[in-house]
C-alpha cells in the first residue's frame, strides 16, 4: 500500500512509494570482488522539507542466510522536480560521493538514475560511474545497480528485492481505520 503522509512536502508526492523501511536480500557480483548474497535494510524518511533522506546498509550472508559481515553502507538525499526529474546526492562508506540524475517513468513508480559526478578519496577503490533502476513492483521495492571502473565497463553488480517493514503502530492505525461493520468470518467480506 502506498500511503502519502499529510506532512509530506508537495513536491515529493511522486516519490511517496519509496517512503518507509524496507528489508530483503540480493546478489552482489563484480569482477575483482567477492560474489555473494547479501541482506539489506533501507529507509526513506522525510521531515517536511523538499527531500527524502535515504539510508542503506548491506551485509554478506552465508549459505544459511546468516549475517557474516558488513558489505556497503550509503546515505543520501533524494529530490524530484515538477518535470519528474530526480536528483540524488549519495555518500558511501568506501569513500565515494556521487551525484545522480534521472527521472520517474511515466505513469509507473520506477526511477532510472545515472551518475553525473563521482568524487573518491584516496582510500576508495576504482570507480568511475554507475546506473540504477528502482521500481515498486507488487508492493516490493526492487532495484538493480550497474557499475563501471577504468578496467571494467558498465555492468550489473548488485540487485535486491525488498519488502516493506510494517510497524506495530501501522497495524494499529490500519485496524482503527477498518469499518465497524466488517463481517466476523472474513469470507463474507469478499462476497
Protein backbone atom coordinates (compact mmCIF):
# COMPACT_ATOMS: atom_id res chain seq x y z
CA UNK A 1 0.00 0.00 0.00
CA UNK A 2 1.33 3.43 -0.94
CA UNK A 3 0.47 5.96 1.73
CA UNK A 4 1.02 9.70 1.30
CA UNK A 5 1.69 11.37 4.68
CA UNK A 6 -0.18 14.64 5.24
CA UNK A 7 3.08 16.42 6.14
CA UNK A 8 4.98 15.24 3.03
CA UNK A 9 6.30 18.17 1.01
CA UNK A 10 4.05 18.53 -2.06
CA UNK A 11 6.99 18.15 -4.47
CA UNK A 12 7.76 14.69 -3.05
CA UNK A 13 4.38 13.08 -3.72
CA UNK A 14 5.73 11.28 -6.85
CA UNK A 15 8.39 9.65 -4.61
CA UNK A 16 5.93 8.58 -1.88
CA UNK A 17 6.21 4.92 -2.97
CA UNK A 18 9.77 4.91 -1.59
CA UNK A 19 8.82 6.05 1.92
CA UNK A 20 9.29 3.67 4.83
CA UNK A 21 11.62 0.95 5.99
CA UNK A 22 12.45 -1.90 3.67
CA UNK A 23 14.34 -5.17 4.16
CA UNK A 24 15.31 -8.03 1.90
CA UNK A 25 18.14 -9.74 0.07
CA UNK A 26 20.00 -9.65 -3.17
CA UNK A 27 23.10 -10.66 -5.13
CA UNK A 28 26.48 -8.92 -5.41
CA UNK A 29 28.79 -9.83 -8.31
CA UNK A 30 31.56 -7.67 -9.77
CA UNK A 31 34.97 -8.63 -11.20
CA UNK A 32 37.66 -8.41 -8.55
CA UNK A 33 35.15 -8.52 -5.68
CA UNK A 34 33.57 -11.35 -3.74
CA UNK A 35 30.43 -12.78 -5.34
CA UNK A 36 27.85 -13.18 -2.59
CA UNK A 37 24.26 -12.99 -1.47
CA UNK A 38 23.57 -10.02 0.76
CA UNK A 39 20.94 -8.75 3.15
CA UNK A 40 19.78 -5.16 3.04
CA UNK A 41 17.90 -2.63 5.15
CA UNK A 42 16.80 0.62 3.50
CA UNK A 43 14.92 3.60 4.91
CA UNK A 44 13.41 6.57 3.10
CA UNK A 45 12.20 9.25 5.51
CA UNK A 46 11.13 12.89 5.33
CA UNK A 47 10.86 15.82 7.70
CA UNK A 48 8.54 18.07 5.70
CA UNK A 49 11.28 19.68 3.62
CA UNK A 50 11.67 19.09 -0.15
CA UNK A 51 13.85 15.96 0.02
CA UNK A 52 13.77 12.35 1.17
CA UNK A 53 16.55 11.13 3.43
CA UNK A 54 17.94 7.75 2.35
CA UNK A 55 19.99 5.23 4.31
CA UNK A 56 21.03 1.74 3.19
CA UNK A 57 23.03 -0.97 4.96
CA UNK A 58 24.03 -4.25 3.34
CA UNK A 59 25.86 -7.26 4.72
CA UNK A 60 27.22 -10.52 3.35
CA UNK A 61 25.04 -13.57 4.03
CA UNK A 62 26.30 -17.13 4.44
CA UNK A 63 24.64 -20.13 2.75
CA UNK A 64 22.05 -20.33 5.58
CA UNK A 65 21.16 -16.62 5.31
CA UNK A 66 23.04 -15.50 8.43
CA UNK A 67 24.88 -12.17 8.61
CA UNK A 68 28.61 -12.63 8.10
CA UNK A 69 29.97 -9.04 7.90
CA UNK A 70 29.06 -5.58 6.59
CA UNK A 71 29.19 -5.09 2.81
CA UNK A 72 28.25 -1.45 2.00
CA UNK A 73 26.57 1.49 3.68
CA UNK A 74 25.25 4.54 1.86
CA UNK A 75 23.32 7.62 2.84
CA UNK A 76 21.87 10.43 0.79
CA UNK A 77 19.15 12.85 -0.18
CA UNK A 78 16.57 12.48 -2.98
CA UNK A 79 14.68 15.30 -4.70
CA UNK A 80 12.25 15.46 -7.63
CA UNK A 81 11.16 18.48 -9.65
CA UNK A 82 7.88 19.30 -11.40
CA UNK A 83 9.14 17.66 -14.61
CA UNK A 84 9.66 14.37 -12.72
CA UNK A 85 13.47 14.75 -12.87
CA UNK A 86 15.14 13.11 -9.89
CA UNK A 87 18.43 14.13 -8.29
CA UNK A 88 20.28 12.21 -5.61
CA UNK A 89 23.37 13.06 -3.60
CA UNK A 90 24.89 9.95 -2.04
CA UNK A 91 27.87 9.15 0.19
CA UNK A 92 29.18 5.60 0.59
CA UNK A 93 31.33 4.17 3.35
CA UNK A 94 34.10 3.24 0.91
CA UNK A 95 34.98 6.92 0.36
CA UNK A 96 32.81 7.68 -2.69
CA UNK A 97 30.50 10.67 -3.11
CA UNK A 98 28.10 10.62 -6.06
CA UNK A 99 25.61 12.96 -7.72
CA UNK A 100 22.92 11.05 -9.60
CA UNK A 101 20.36 12.38 -12.07
CA UNK A 102 17.43 10.60 -13.64
CA UNK A 103 13.69 10.59 -13.95
CA UNK A 104 10.50 8.94 -12.88
CA UNK A 105 8.89 6.75 -15.51
CA UNK A 106 5.60 7.95 -16.93
CA UNK A 107 2.59 6.53 -15.06
CA UNK A 108 4.52 3.97 -13.01
CA UNK A 109 6.62 4.02 -9.82
CA UNK A 110 10.02 3.49 -11.43
CA UNK A 111 13.17 5.63 -11.31
CA UNK A 112 16.16 5.43 -13.67
CA UNK A 113 19.33 7.12 -12.40
CA UNK A 114 22.86 7.62 -13.74
CA UNK A 115 25.87 9.22 -12.08
CA UNK A 116 26.69 12.74 -13.17
CA UNK A 117 29.65 13.29 -10.84
CA UNK A 118 31.84 10.98 -8.78
CA UNK A 119 34.41 12.02 -6.16
CA UNK A 120 36.63 9.47 -4.44
CA UNK A 121 39.02 9.55 -1.51
CA UNK A 122 42.49 8.06 -1.83
CA UNK A 123 41.33 5.02 0.18
CA UNK A 124 38.43 4.14 -2.13
CA UNK A 125 38.69 1.53 -4.86
CA UNK A 126 38.50 2.28 -8.57
CA UNK A 127 35.07 3.55 -9.63
CA UNK A 128 34.07 5.84 -12.45
CA UNK A 129 30.27 5.75 -12.56
CA UNK A 130 27.05 3.81 -12.45
CA UNK A 131 23.38 3.45 -13.21
CA UNK A 132 20.48 2.37 -11.01
CA UNK A 133 16.90 1.36 -11.59
CA UNK A 134 14.40 1.39 -8.71
CA UNK A 135 10.83 0.14 -9.04
CA UNK A 136 7.80 -0.54 -6.91
CA UNK A 137 6.57 -3.93 -8.12
CA UNK A 138 3.66 -5.80 -6.46
CA UNK A 139 4.26 -3.96 -3.16
CA UNK A 140 8.01 -4.70 -3.19
CA UNK A 141 10.87 -2.28 -3.79
CA UNK A 142 13.22 -3.77 -6.35
CA UNK A 143 16.45 -2.29 -7.61
CA UNK A 144 19.45 -3.10 -9.76
CA UNK A 145 22.76 -1.24 -9.79
CA UNK A 146 25.33 -1.09 -12.55
CA UNK A 147 28.92 -0.01 -12.02
CA UNK A 148 31.99 0.79 -14.06
CA UNK A 149 35.67 1.25 -13.30
CA UNK A 150 38.56 2.24 -15.55
CA UNK A 151 39.18 -1.52 -16.04
CA UNK A 152 35.60 -2.85 -16.17
CA UNK A 153 32.90 -1.46 -18.49
CA UNK A 154 29.44 -0.66 -17.11
CA UNK A 155 27.76 -3.85 -15.93
CA UNK A 156 25.24 -5.01 -13.28
CA UNK A 157 26.85 -5.62 -9.90
CA UNK A 158 24.06 -5.57 -7.28
CA UNK A 159 20.33 -6.18 -7.22
CA UNK A 160 17.78 -6.79 -4.48
CA UNK A 161 14.13 -7.34 -3.71
CA UNK A 162 12.92 -5.58 -0.57
CA UNK A 163 9.72 -5.94 1.47
CA UNK A 164 8.19 -3.08 3.40
CA UNK A 165 8.62 -3.38 7.16
CA UNK A 166 5.32 -2.85 8.93
CA UNK A 167 5.48 -1.35 12.40
CA UNK A 168 3.03 -2.17 15.22
CA UNK A 169 1.86 1.48 15.00
CA UNK A 170 0.96 0.96 11.31
CA UNK A 171 -1.06 -2.16 12.11
CA UNK A 172 -2.90 -0.37 14.93
CA UNK A 173 -3.68 2.63 12.70
CA UNK A 174 -4.93 0.34 9.88
CA UNK A 175 -7.06 -1.67 12.31
CA UNK A 176 -8.70 1.51 13.61
CA UNK A 177 -9.48 2.53 10.02
CA UNK A 178 -11.45 -0.68 9.31
CA UNK A 179 -15.19 -0.22 9.08
CA UNK A 180 -17.23 -1.25 12.14
CA UNK A 181 -19.48 -3.47 10.04
CA UNK A 182 -16.77 -5.92 8.93
CA UNK A 183 -18.10 -9.50 8.75
CA UNK A 184 -16.95 -11.78 11.56
CA UNK A 185 -15.93 -14.70 9.36
CA UNK A 186 -13.88 -12.70 6.83
CA UNK A 187 -15.32 -14.72 3.93
CA UNK A 188 -18.45 -12.60 3.62
CA UNK A 189 -16.22 -9.59 3.01
CA UNK A 190 -15.37 -10.98 -0.46
CA UNK A 191 -18.98 -11.78 -1.48
